[in-house]
Amino acid sequence: MKAAVRAILVFLGLLFVGGALFLLIVNYNVLPGLAVVLPAWVGETVLLATGSALLLIALILISLGLRSSKKIRSAVLKGSEFGEILISITALENMVLRVIQQTQGIKDVSRQVTYTPDGLVVSILIKVMPDLSLPAIINDLQSKTKEYLEEITGIVVHEIKVRVENIILDQVVSKK
């Protein structure tokens, strides 16, 4: 979320807090000189309910405005006596990309790495060249990816899911 939107949310939240405080002041007659003409149907219960609703909305707006927009995606690599060592998911995804680029027959790719208590789960979406053995390419890709990630990072790779999205044709067939 952009900073301007977040500032507006905080400002609106503060306005709602002010409105709720005003309703409480009117309800409990804290400032006797503040004469507010209210309709006959507005009683103590309505003022308290409205003030509570405004406070709730204010808390939601302020919390949305103060929430950090950056999501830190990281996986715990190892713990040592000096502390934790963290490696970002983006770095892991780039390591997977390196392995994929070194695999013959694969052209387009997308990848996603998630960290679970069992280890890393790698999801790979590929497009392959025609007339190649898909089981051989996929098994090779899975084994190389698992070996590379475990060797470089020390993190256990729990599962590697590979989905073949399409076959890429070398030449575009022209109409005769």
N, C-alpha and C. Protein backbone atom coordinates (compact mmCIF):
# COMPACT_ATOMS: atom_id res chain seq x y z
N MET A 1 0.84 -1.16 0.00
CA MET A 1 0.00 0.00 0.00
C MET A 1 0.90 1.24 0.00
N LYS A 2 0.52 2.23 -0.79
CA LYS A 2 1.32 3.43 -0.90
C LYS A 2 1.23 4.27 0.37
N ALA A 3 2.24 5.10 0.58
CA ALA A 3 2.33 5.90 1.80
C ALA A 3 1.17 6.90 1.89
N ALA A 4 0.76 7.46 0.76
CA ALA A 4 -0.34 8.44 0.79
C ALA A 4 -1.64 7.77 1.24
N VAL A 5 -1.91 6.59 0.76
CA VAL A 5 -3.13 5.87 1.15
C VAL A 5 -3.07 5.52 2.63
N ARG A 6 -1.90 5.11 3.08
CA ARG A 6 -1.76 4.78 4.50
C ARG A 6 -1.95 6.00 5.38
N ALA A 7 -1.44 7.16 4.95
CA ALA A 7 -1.62 8.39 5.72
C ALA A 7 -3.09 8.79 5.77
N ILE A 8 -3.79 8.62 4.67
CA ILE A 8 -5.22 8.94 4.64
C ILE A 8 -5.99 8.03 5.58
N LEU A 9 -5.65 6.74 5.61
CA LEU A 9 -6.32 5.81 6.51
C LEU A 9 -6.10 6.19 7.98
N VAL A 10 -4.88 6.57 8.31
CA VAL A 10 -4.61 6.99 9.69
C VAL A 10 -5.38 8.26 10.02
N PHE A 11 -5.40 9.21 9.09
CA PHE A 11 -6.14 10.46 9.31
C PHE A 11 -7.63 10.18 9.51
N LEU A 12 -8.22 9.34 8.67
CA LEU A 12 -9.63 8.99 8.83
C LEU A 12 -9.88 8.28 10.16
N GLY A 13 -8.96 7.42 10.54
CA GLY A 13 -9.08 6.73 11.82
C GLY A 13 -9.09 7.71 12.98
N LEU A 14 -8.22 8.72 12.91
CA LEU A 14 -8.19 9.72 13.97
C LEU A 14 -9.47 10.56 13.98
N LEU A 15 -10.02 10.83 12.80
CA LEU A 15 -11.31 11.53 12.75
C LEU A 15 -12.42 10.72 13.41
N PHE A 16 -12.41 9.42 13.16
CA PHE A 16 -13.42 8.55 13.77
C PHE A 16 -13.23 8.50 15.29
N VAL A 17 -11.99 8.49 15.75
CA VAL A 17 -11.74 8.53 17.19
C VAL A 17 -12.30 9.82 17.77
N GLY A 18 -12.08 10.94 17.07
CA GLY A 18 -12.62 12.21 17.52
C GLY A 18 -14.14 12.19 17.58
N GLY A 19 -14.77 11.61 16.58
CA GLY A 19 -16.24 11.50 16.58
C GLY A 19 -16.74 10.65 17.73
N ALA A 20 -16.04 9.56 18.00
CA ALA A 20 -16.45 8.68 19.11
C ALA A 20 -16.29 9.40 20.45
N LEU A 21 -15.20 10.14 20.61
CA LEU A 21 -15.00 10.89 21.85
C LEU A 21 -16.06 11.98 22.01
N PHE A 22 -16.41 12.63 20.90
CA PHE A 22 -17.47 13.64 20.96
C PHE A 22 -18.79 13.02 21.42
N LEU A 23 -19.13 11.85 20.90
CA LEU A 23 -20.38 11.19 21.31
C LEU A 23 -20.35 10.81 22.79
N LEU A 24 -19.19 10.37 23.27
CA LEU A 24 -19.08 10.04 24.70
C LEU A 24 -19.22 11.29 25.57
N ILE A 25 -18.63 12.41 25.12
CA ILE A 25 -18.73 13.67 25.87
C ILE A 25 -20.19 14.13 25.93
N VAL A 26 -20.89 14.00 24.80
CA VAL A 26 -22.30 14.39 24.77
C VAL A 26 -23.13 13.47 25.65
N ASN A 27 -22.86 12.17 25.58
CA ASN A 27 -23.63 11.20 26.34
C ASN A 27 -23.51 11.43 27.85
N TYR A 28 -22.29 11.62 28.32
CA TYR A 28 -22.08 11.75 29.76
C TYR A 28 -22.08 13.20 30.24
N ASN A 29 -22.37 14.13 29.35
CA ASN A 29 -22.49 15.55 29.68
C ASN A 29 -21.24 16.04 30.42
N VAL A 30 -20.06 15.68 29.87
CA VAL A 30 -18.79 16.06 30.48
C VAL A 30 -18.59 17.57 30.41
N LEU A 31 -18.98 18.16 29.32
CA LEU A 31 -18.90 19.62 29.17
C LEU A 31 -20.33 20.18 29.20
N PRO A 32 -20.76 20.65 30.36
CA PRO A 32 -22.15 21.09 30.49
C PRO A 32 -22.52 22.23 29.55
N GLY A 33 -21.58 23.06 29.17
CA GLY A 33 -21.88 24.18 28.29
C GLY A 33 -22.10 23.75 26.85
N LEU A 34 -21.78 22.50 26.52
CA LEU A 34 -21.92 22.00 25.15
C LEU A 34 -23.36 21.54 24.96
N ALA A 35 -24.14 22.42 24.44
CA ALA A 35 -25.55 22.10 24.24
C ALA A 35 -25.72 21.56 22.82
N VAL A 36 -26.05 20.31 22.74
CA VAL A 36 -26.26 19.66 21.45
C VAL A 36 -27.72 19.25 21.38
N VAL A 37 -28.36 19.67 20.32
CA VAL A 37 -29.76 19.31 20.13
C VAL A 37 -29.80 17.98 19.39
N LEU A 38 -30.34 16.96 20.05
CA LEU A 38 -30.42 15.63 19.47
C LEU A 38 -31.88 15.26 19.26
N PRO A 39 -32.16 14.46 18.27
CA PRO A 39 -33.54 14.01 18.07
C PRO A 39 -34.02 13.22 19.29
N ALA A 40 -35.31 13.08 19.41
CA ALA A 40 -35.92 12.42 20.57
C ALA A 40 -35.56 10.93 20.63
N TRP A 41 -35.36 10.29 19.51
CA TRP A 41 -35.10 8.86 19.50
C TRP A 41 -33.66 8.53 19.90
N VAL A 42 -32.78 9.55 19.96
CA VAL A 42 -31.39 9.31 20.32
C VAL A 42 -31.28 9.32 21.84
N GLY A 43 -31.00 8.16 22.36
CA GLY A 43 -30.84 8.02 23.80
C GLY A 43 -29.42 7.61 24.14
N GLU A 44 -29.23 7.24 25.40
CA GLU A 44 -27.91 6.84 25.87
C GLU A 44 -27.41 5.60 25.14
N THR A 45 -28.28 4.63 24.90
CA THR A 45 -27.89 3.39 24.24
C THR A 45 -27.43 3.65 22.80
N VAL A 46 -28.13 4.49 22.10
CA VAL A 46 -27.77 4.80 20.71
C VAL A 46 -26.43 5.52 20.65
N LEU A 47 -26.21 6.48 21.56
CA LEU A 47 -24.93 7.19 21.58
C LEU A 47 -23.77 6.26 21.90
N LEU A 48 -23.95 5.37 22.88
CA LEU A 48 -22.88 4.43 23.23
C LEU A 48 -22.61 3.44 22.09
N ALA A 49 -23.65 2.94 21.46
CA ALA A 49 -23.47 1.99 20.35
C ALA A 49 -22.78 2.67 19.18
N THR A 50 -23.19 3.89 18.86
CA THR A 50 -22.57 4.61 17.76
C THR A 50 -21.11 4.95 18.08
N GLY A 51 -20.85 5.38 19.29
CA GLY A 51 -19.48 5.67 19.71
C GLY A 51 -18.60 4.44 19.65
N SER A 52 -19.13 3.30 20.09
CA SER A 52 -18.36 2.04 20.04
C SER A 52 -18.08 1.63 18.61
N ALA A 53 -19.07 1.78 17.74
CA ALA A 53 -18.87 1.43 16.33
C ALA A 53 -17.82 2.33 15.70
N LEU A 54 -17.87 3.62 16.01
CA LEU A 54 -16.86 4.54 15.48
C LEU A 54 -15.47 4.20 15.98
N LEU A 55 -15.35 3.81 17.25
CA LEU A 55 -14.05 3.39 17.79
C LEU A 55 -13.52 2.15 17.09
N LEU A 56 -14.41 1.19 16.84
CA LEU A 56 -14.00 -0.04 16.15
C LEU A 56 -13.53 0.27 14.74
N ILE A 57 -14.27 1.08 14.03
CA ILE A 57 -13.87 1.47 12.67
C ILE A 57 -12.55 2.23 12.71
N ALA A 58 -12.39 3.09 13.70
CA ALA A 58 -11.14 3.86 13.83
C ALA A 58 -9.95 2.93 14.05
N LEU A 59 -10.11 1.94 14.91
CA LEU A 59 -9.02 0.99 15.16
C LEU A 59 -8.65 0.23 13.89
N ILE A 60 -9.65 -0.17 13.13
CA ILE A 60 -9.37 -0.90 11.88
C ILE A 60 -8.63 0.00 10.90
N LEU A 61 -9.10 1.24 10.73
CA LEU A 61 -8.45 2.15 9.80
C LEU A 61 -7.02 2.47 10.21
N ILE A 62 -6.82 2.73 11.49
CA ILE A 62 -5.47 3.05 11.97
C ILE A 62 -4.54 1.85 11.83
N SER A 63 -5.04 0.66 12.15
CA SER A 63 -4.18 -0.53 12.03
C SER A 63 -3.83 -0.80 10.57
N LEU A 64 -4.76 -0.58 9.65
CA LEU A 64 -4.45 -0.73 8.22
C LEU A 64 -3.44 0.31 7.77
N GLY A 65 -3.57 1.53 8.28
CA GLY A 65 -2.66 2.60 7.89
C GLY A 65 -1.27 2.43 8.45
N LEU A 66 -1.15 1.85 9.62
CA LEU A 66 0.17 1.68 10.25
C LEU A 66 0.84 0.36 9.91
N ARG A 67 0.09 -0.53 9.26
CA ARG A 67 0.64 -1.84 8.91
C ARG A 67 1.75 -1.69 7.87
N SER A 68 2.78 -2.45 8.03
CA SER A 68 3.89 -2.42 7.09
C SER A 68 3.46 -3.07 5.78
N SER A 69 3.82 -2.42 4.68
CA SER A 69 3.41 -2.94 3.38
C SER A 69 4.41 -3.95 2.84
N LYS A 70 5.57 -4.04 3.45
CA LYS A 70 6.58 -4.97 2.96
C LYS A 70 6.40 -6.32 3.63
N LYS A 71 6.33 -7.34 2.80
CA LYS A 71 6.24 -8.69 3.33
C LYS A 71 7.63 -9.32 3.25
N ILE A 72 8.12 -9.73 4.38
CA ILE A 72 9.43 -10.36 4.42
C ILE A 72 9.22 -11.86 4.33
N ARG A 73 9.68 -12.41 3.23
CA ARG A 73 9.55 -13.84 3.03
C ARG A 73 10.92 -14.46 3.27
N SER A 74 11.08 -15.19 4.34
CA SER A 74 12.36 -15.80 4.62
C SER A 74 12.17 -17.17 5.24
N ALA A 75 13.20 -17.97 5.15
CA ALA A 75 13.17 -19.30 5.73
C ALA A 75 14.33 -19.43 6.69
N VAL A 76 14.12 -20.11 7.79
CA VAL A 76 15.20 -20.33 8.74
C VAL A 76 16.16 -21.35 8.15
N LEU A 77 17.41 -20.96 8.05
CA LEU A 77 18.41 -21.87 7.51
C LEU A 77 18.97 -22.75 8.62
N LYS A 78 19.58 -22.14 9.57
CA LYS A 78 20.16 -22.88 10.69
C LYS A 78 20.22 -21.98 11.90
N GLY A 79 20.20 -22.58 13.04
CA GLY A 79 20.42 -21.83 14.27
C GLY A 79 21.82 -22.15 14.77
N SER A 80 22.47 -21.17 15.33
CA SER A 80 23.79 -21.39 15.90
C SER A 80 23.87 -20.66 17.24
N GLU A 81 24.99 -20.75 17.90
CA GLU A 81 25.11 -20.06 19.17
C GLU A 81 25.12 -18.55 19.00
N PHE A 82 25.33 -18.09 17.76
CA PHE A 82 25.34 -16.65 17.49
C PHE A 82 23.97 -16.12 17.08
N GLY A 83 23.04 -17.02 16.72
CA GLY A 83 21.71 -16.59 16.32
C GLY A 83 21.23 -17.35 15.09
N GLU A 84 20.16 -16.85 14.51
CA GLU A 84 19.57 -17.47 13.34
C GLU A 84 20.23 -16.96 12.07
N ILE A 85 20.28 -17.84 11.09
CA ILE A 85 20.72 -17.46 9.75
C ILE A 85 19.50 -17.56 8.85
N LEU A 86 19.13 -16.46 8.21
CA LEU A 86 17.94 -16.44 7.37
C LEU A 86 18.34 -16.31 5.91
N ILE A 87 17.60 -16.98 5.06
CA ILE A 87 17.80 -16.84 3.63
C ILE A 87 16.44 -16.54 3.02
N SER A 88 16.40 -15.58 2.11
CA SER A 88 15.11 -15.16 1.57
C SER A 88 14.58 -16.19 0.58
N ILE A 89 13.27 -16.21 0.47
CA ILE A 89 12.61 -17.10 -0.48
C ILE A 89 13.01 -16.70 -1.90
N THR A 90 13.19 -15.41 -2.15
CA THR A 90 13.62 -14.95 -3.47
C THR A 90 14.97 -15.54 -3.84
N ALA A 91 15.88 -15.59 -2.89
CA ALA A 91 17.19 -16.19 -3.16
C ALA A 91 17.04 -17.68 -3.49
N LEU A 92 16.17 -18.37 -2.76
CA LEU A 92 15.94 -19.79 -3.04
C LEU A 92 15.32 -19.97 -4.43
N GLU A 93 14.37 -19.10 -4.78
CA GLU A 93 13.75 -19.19 -6.10
C GLU A 93 14.77 -18.94 -7.21
N ASN A 94 15.72 -18.03 -6.97
CA ASN A 94 16.75 -17.79 -7.97
C ASN A 94 17.72 -18.96 -8.08
N MET A 95 17.94 -19.67 -6.99
CA MET A 95 18.77 -20.89 -7.06
C MET A 95 18.06 -21.95 -7.89
N VAL A 96 16.75 -22.06 -7.72
CA VAL A 96 15.97 -23.01 -8.53
C VAL A 96 16.04 -22.62 -10.00
N LEU A 97 15.94 -21.32 -10.28
CA LEU A 97 16.03 -20.86 -11.67
C LEU A 97 17.37 -21.23 -12.29
N ARG A 98 18.43 -21.13 -11.53
CA ARG A 98 19.77 -21.50 -12.05
C ARG A 98 19.79 -22.97 -12.49
N VAL A 99 19.22 -23.84 -11.68
CA VAL A 99 19.18 -25.26 -12.03
C VAL A 99 18.34 -25.47 -13.29
N ILE A 100 17.21 -24.79 -13.36
CA ILE A 100 16.31 -24.95 -14.51
C ILE A 100 16.98 -24.48 -15.78
N GLN A 101 17.70 -23.37 -15.72
CA GLN A 101 18.38 -22.84 -16.91
C GLN A 101 19.47 -23.78 -17.40
N GLN A 102 20.02 -24.59 -16.53
CA GLN A 102 21.06 -25.54 -16.92
C GLN A 102 20.50 -26.86 -17.42
N THR A 103 19.18 -27.02 -17.37
CA THR A 103 18.55 -28.25 -17.83
C THR A 103 18.16 -28.10 -19.29
N GLN A 104 18.63 -29.03 -20.12
CA GLN A 104 18.36 -28.98 -21.56
C GLN A 104 16.90 -29.30 -21.84
N GLY A 105 16.30 -28.56 -22.80
CA GLY A 105 14.96 -28.86 -23.26
C GLY A 105 13.87 -28.03 -22.60
N ILE A 106 14.22 -27.24 -21.59
CA ILE A 106 13.24 -26.41 -20.91
C ILE A 106 13.45 -24.96 -21.35
N LYS A 107 12.35 -24.32 -21.77
CA LYS A 107 12.47 -22.95 -22.27
C LYS A 107 11.89 -21.92 -21.31
N ASP A 108 10.61 -21.90 -21.10
CA ASP A 108 10.00 -20.91 -20.22
C ASP A 108 9.74 -21.54 -18.87
N VAL A 109 9.79 -20.71 -17.84
CA VAL A 109 9.67 -21.27 -16.50
C VAL A 109 9.12 -20.23 -15.52
N SER A 110 8.39 -20.72 -14.54
CA SER A 110 8.09 -19.93 -13.35
C SER A 110 8.27 -20.87 -12.17
N ARG A 111 8.63 -20.30 -11.04
CA ARG A 111 8.91 -21.15 -9.87
C ARG A 111 8.44 -20.44 -8.62
N GLN A 112 8.13 -21.26 -7.60
CA GLN A 112 7.70 -20.74 -6.31
C GLN A 112 8.24 -21.68 -5.24
N VAL A 113 8.82 -21.09 -4.21
CA VAL A 113 9.37 -21.86 -3.09
C VAL A 113 8.63 -21.44 -1.84
N THR A 114 8.18 -22.43 -1.07
CA THR A 114 7.56 -22.16 0.23
C THR A 114 8.30 -22.98 1.28
N TYR A 115 8.32 -22.43 2.49
CA TYR A 115 8.99 -23.11 3.59
C TYR A 115 7.95 -23.69 4.52
N THR A 116 8.06 -24.98 4.78
CA THR A 116 7.17 -25.67 5.71
C THR A 116 8.02 -26.30 6.81
N PRO A 117 7.41 -26.75 7.88
CA PRO A 117 8.19 -27.41 8.94
C PRO A 117 8.90 -28.68 8.44
N ASP A 118 8.35 -29.31 7.40
CA ASP A 118 8.98 -30.52 6.85
C ASP A 118 10.16 -30.19 5.94
N GLY A 119 10.25 -28.97 5.48
CA GLY A 119 11.31 -28.56 4.57
C GLY A 119 10.73 -27.71 3.45
N LEU A 120 11.56 -27.47 2.45
CA LEU A 120 11.13 -26.63 1.33
C LEU A 120 10.19 -27.39 0.40
N VAL A 121 9.21 -26.68 -0.12
CA VAL A 121 8.34 -27.20 -1.16
C VAL A 121 8.54 -26.30 -2.36
N VAL A 122 9.01 -26.90 -3.45
CA VAL A 122 9.32 -26.16 -4.67
C VAL A 122 8.28 -26.51 -5.72
N SER A 123 7.65 -25.48 -6.30
CA SER A 123 6.69 -25.68 -7.38
C SER A 123 7.27 -25.03 -8.63
N ILE A 124 7.36 -25.82 -9.70
CA ILE A 124 7.96 -25.34 -10.94
C ILE A 124 6.96 -25.53 -12.06
N LEU A 125 6.78 -24.50 -12.88
CA LEU A 125 5.92 -24.54 -14.05
C LEU A 125 6.83 -24.36 -15.26
N ILE A 126 6.82 -25.34 -16.18
CA ILE A 126 7.76 -25.29 -17.30
C ILE A 126 7.06 -25.47 -18.64
N LYS A 127 7.76 -25.02 -19.68
CA LYS A 127 7.41 -25.31 -21.07
C LYS A 127 8.62 -26.02 -21.65
N VAL A 128 8.39 -27.11 -22.35
CA VAL A 128 9.49 -27.92 -22.84
C VAL A 128 9.50 -27.98 -24.36
N MET A 129 10.65 -28.36 -24.88
CA MET A 129 10.81 -28.56 -26.32
C MET A 129 10.09 -29.86 -26.71
N PRO A 130 9.66 -29.96 -27.98
CA PRO A 130 8.93 -31.17 -28.40
C PRO A 130 9.85 -32.38 -28.55
N ASP A 131 9.23 -33.55 -28.58
CA ASP A 131 9.90 -34.83 -28.84
C ASP A 131 10.96 -35.17 -27.79
N LEU A 132 10.79 -34.73 -26.57
CA LEU A 132 11.69 -35.10 -25.49
C LEU A 132 10.92 -35.95 -24.49
N SER A 133 11.63 -36.81 -23.81
CA SER A 133 11.01 -37.67 -22.81
C SER A 133 10.69 -36.84 -21.57
N LEU A 134 9.42 -36.58 -21.35
CA LEU A 134 9.02 -35.77 -20.20
C LEU A 134 9.41 -36.40 -18.86
N PRO A 135 9.18 -37.71 -18.67
CA PRO A 135 9.60 -38.28 -17.38
C PRO A 135 11.10 -38.12 -17.11
N ALA A 136 11.91 -38.26 -18.15
CA ALA A 136 13.36 -38.12 -17.96
C ALA A 136 13.74 -36.69 -17.61
N ILE A 137 13.15 -35.72 -18.31
CA ILE A 137 13.46 -34.31 -18.04
C ILE A 137 13.00 -33.93 -16.64
N ILE A 138 11.80 -34.35 -16.27
CA ILE A 138 11.24 -33.97 -14.97
C ILE A 138 12.03 -34.63 -13.83
N ASN A 139 12.36 -35.90 -13.97
CA ASN A 139 13.15 -36.58 -12.94
C ASN A 139 14.52 -35.93 -12.79
N ASP A 140 15.15 -35.59 -13.92
CA ASP A 140 16.46 -34.93 -13.90
C ASP A 140 16.35 -33.57 -13.21
N LEU A 141 15.32 -32.81 -13.56
CA LEU A 141 15.11 -31.49 -12.96
C LEU A 141 14.87 -31.60 -11.46
N GLN A 142 14.05 -32.55 -11.06
CA GLN A 142 13.75 -32.72 -9.63
C GLN A 142 15.00 -33.11 -8.84
N SER A 143 15.75 -34.07 -9.35
CA SER A 143 16.93 -34.53 -8.60
C SER A 143 18.00 -33.45 -8.54
N LYS A 144 18.23 -32.74 -9.65
CA LYS A 144 19.25 -31.69 -9.64
C LYS A 144 18.84 -30.53 -8.73
N THR A 145 17.57 -30.19 -8.75
CA THR A 145 17.09 -29.09 -7.89
C THR A 145 17.24 -29.47 -6.42
N LYS A 146 16.85 -30.68 -6.07
CA LYS A 146 16.95 -31.14 -4.67
C LYS A 146 18.42 -31.15 -4.22
N GLU A 147 19.28 -31.73 -5.02
CA GLU A 147 20.70 -31.81 -4.66
C GLU A 147 21.31 -30.42 -4.52
N TYR A 148 21.02 -29.53 -5.46
CA TYR A 148 21.62 -28.20 -5.46
C TYR A 148 21.17 -27.40 -4.23
N LEU A 149 19.86 -27.37 -3.98
CA LEU A 149 19.36 -26.60 -2.84
C LEU A 149 19.89 -27.14 -1.52
N GLU A 150 19.88 -28.45 -1.35
CA GLU A 150 20.34 -29.02 -0.09
C GLU A 150 21.85 -28.82 0.10
N GLU A 151 22.60 -28.88 -0.99
CA GLU A 151 24.05 -28.70 -0.89
C GLU A 151 24.40 -27.24 -0.58
N ILE A 152 23.76 -26.31 -1.24
CA ILE A 152 24.10 -24.90 -1.09
C ILE A 152 23.55 -24.32 0.22
N THR A 153 22.32 -24.64 0.56
CA THR A 153 21.68 -24.00 1.71
C THR A 153 21.68 -24.83 2.98
N GLY A 154 21.71 -26.14 2.85
CA GLY A 154 21.60 -27.00 4.02
C GLY A 154 20.17 -27.21 4.47
N ILE A 155 19.21 -26.68 3.73
CA ILE A 155 17.80 -26.85 4.07
C ILE A 155 17.28 -28.11 3.39
N VAL A 156 16.50 -28.88 4.10
CA VAL A 156 15.91 -30.10 3.54
C VAL A 156 14.84 -29.72 2.53
N VAL A 157 14.89 -30.34 1.36
CA VAL A 157 13.86 -30.14 0.35
C VAL A 157 12.86 -31.28 0.51
N HIS A 158 11.65 -30.93 0.89
CA HIS A 158 10.61 -31.93 1.16
C HIS A 158 9.97 -32.42 -0.13
N GLU A 159 9.68 -31.51 -1.04
CA GLU A 159 8.93 -31.90 -2.24
C GLU A 159 9.24 -30.94 -3.37
N ILE A 160 9.30 -31.49 -4.59
CA ILE A 160 9.45 -30.68 -5.79
C ILE A 160 8.34 -31.05 -6.75
N LYS A 161 7.44 -30.10 -6.98
CA LYS A 161 6.31 -30.32 -7.88
C LYS A 161 6.64 -29.67 -9.21
N VAL A 162 6.54 -30.45 -10.28
CA VAL A 162 6.80 -29.92 -11.62
C VAL A 162 5.54 -30.08 -12.45
N ARG A 163 5.12 -28.99 -13.09
CA ARG A 163 3.96 -29.02 -13.96
C ARG A 163 4.40 -28.56 -15.34
N VAL A 164 4.13 -29.40 -16.34
CA VAL A 164 4.45 -29.05 -17.72
C VAL A 164 3.24 -28.29 -18.26
N GLU A 165 3.43 -27.01 -18.55
CA GLU A 165 2.33 -26.18 -19.01
C GLU A 165 2.07 -26.36 -20.50
N ASN A 166 3.15 -26.50 -21.29
CA ASN A 166 2.96 -26.56 -22.73
C ASN A 166 4.22 -27.10 -23.39
N ILE A 167 4.09 -27.41 -24.67
CA ILE A 167 5.21 -27.82 -25.51
C ILE A 167 5.51 -26.65 -26.44
N ILE A 168 6.77 -26.25 -26.53
CA ILE A 168 7.16 -25.14 -27.39
C ILE A 168 7.61 -25.71 -28.73
N LEU A 169 7.01 -25.21 -29.78
CA LEU A 169 7.39 -25.64 -31.12
C LEU A 169 8.53 -24.77 -31.62
N ASP A 170 9.52 -25.40 -32.28
CA ASP A 170 10.68 -24.66 -32.79
C ASP A 170 10.28 -23.67 -33.87
N GLN A 171 9.45 -24.10 -34.78
CA GLN A 171 9.08 -23.26 -35.90
C GLN A 171 7.58 -23.08 -35.92
N VAL A 172 7.16 -21.92 -36.31
CA VAL A 172 5.74 -21.65 -36.44
C VAL A 172 5.31 -22.18 -37.80
N VAL A 173 4.29 -23.02 -37.81
CA VAL A 173 3.80 -23.59 -39.05
C VAL A 173 3.03 -22.50 -39.80
N SER A 174 3.48 -22.23 -41.03
CA SER A 174 2.81 -21.18 -41.81
C SER A 174 1.72 -21.81 -42.66
N LYS A 175 0.70 -21.00 -42.94
CA LYS A 175 -0.41 -21.48 -43.77
C LYS A 175 -0.01 -21.46 -45.22
N LYS A 176 -0.43 -22.50 -45.97
CA LYS A 176 -0.09 -22.56 -47.40
C LYS A 176 -1.21 -22.02 -48.23
